[in-house]
């Protein structure tokens, strides 16, 4: 059985001079949003990702 995958969102975490920014692209709508992210949250990212797979 052939399954088709469709990319809905793409996210990047960008670091620039010690400042972190989360950039999220809504592929279907063609929009991009960005927001600053505190380093403390960046440090917890592996925990959040692990929770998604639980």
Protein backbone atom coordinates (compact mmCIF):
# COMPACT_ATOMS: atom_id res chain seq x y z
CA UNK A 1 0.00 0.00 0.00
CA UNK A 2 1.47 3.36 -1.06
CA UNK A 3 1.19 6.15 1.50
CA UNK A 4 1.54 9.79 0.60
CA UNK A 5 3.05 12.20 3.08
CA UNK A 6 2.21 15.89 3.00
CA UNK A 7 4.33 18.47 4.78
CA UNK A 8 2.03 20.80 6.74
CA UNK A 9 4.44 22.78 8.92
CA UNK A 10 8.20 23.31 8.96
CA UNK A 11 10.02 24.69 11.99
CA UNK A 12 13.52 25.97 12.59
CA UNK A 13 15.21 27.12 15.76
CA UNK A 14 17.72 29.82 14.85
CA UNK A 15 20.51 31.16 17.05
CA UNK A 16 21.99 34.58 16.33
CA UNK A 17 24.44 36.16 18.78
CA UNK A 18 22.99 34.26 21.74
CA UNK A 19 19.37 35.03 20.84
CA UNK A 20 17.05 32.18 19.85
CA UNK A 21 14.14 32.52 17.45
CA UNK A 22 11.58 29.88 16.52
CA UNK A 23 10.49 30.20 12.89
CA UNK A 24 7.43 28.20 11.83
CA UNK A 25 6.22 27.98 8.24
CA UNK A 26 2.62 26.98 7.53
CA UNK A 27 3.31 25.27 4.23
CA UNK A 28 -0.32 24.97 3.17
CA UNK A 29 -1.12 28.65 3.84
CA UNK A 30 2.26 29.93 2.69
CA UNK A 31 2.80 31.96 5.86
CA UNK A 32 5.73 32.27 8.25
CA UNK A 33 5.66 33.27 11.90
CA UNK A 34 8.57 33.81 14.25
CA UNK A 35 8.90 34.36 17.97
CA UNK A 36 11.82 34.77 20.35
CA UNK A 37 12.51 31.79 22.60
CA UNK A 38 14.30 32.03 25.97
CA UNK A 39 17.42 29.88 26.34
CA UNK A 40 15.80 28.04 29.26
CA UNK A 41 13.09 26.79 26.89
CA UNK A 42 15.67 25.85 24.25
CA UNK A 43 17.46 23.77 26.89
CA UNK A 44 14.18 21.92 27.60
CA UNK A 45 13.44 21.19 23.94
CA UNK A 46 14.65 17.55 24.09
CA UNK A 47 12.16 16.91 26.92
CA UNK A 48 9.29 18.38 24.89
CA UNK A 49 10.23 16.33 21.84
CA UNK A 50 10.43 13.16 23.92
CA UNK A 51 6.92 13.86 25.25
CA UNK A 52 5.59 13.97 21.69
CA UNK A 53 6.79 10.44 21.05
CA UNK A 54 5.41 9.00 24.31
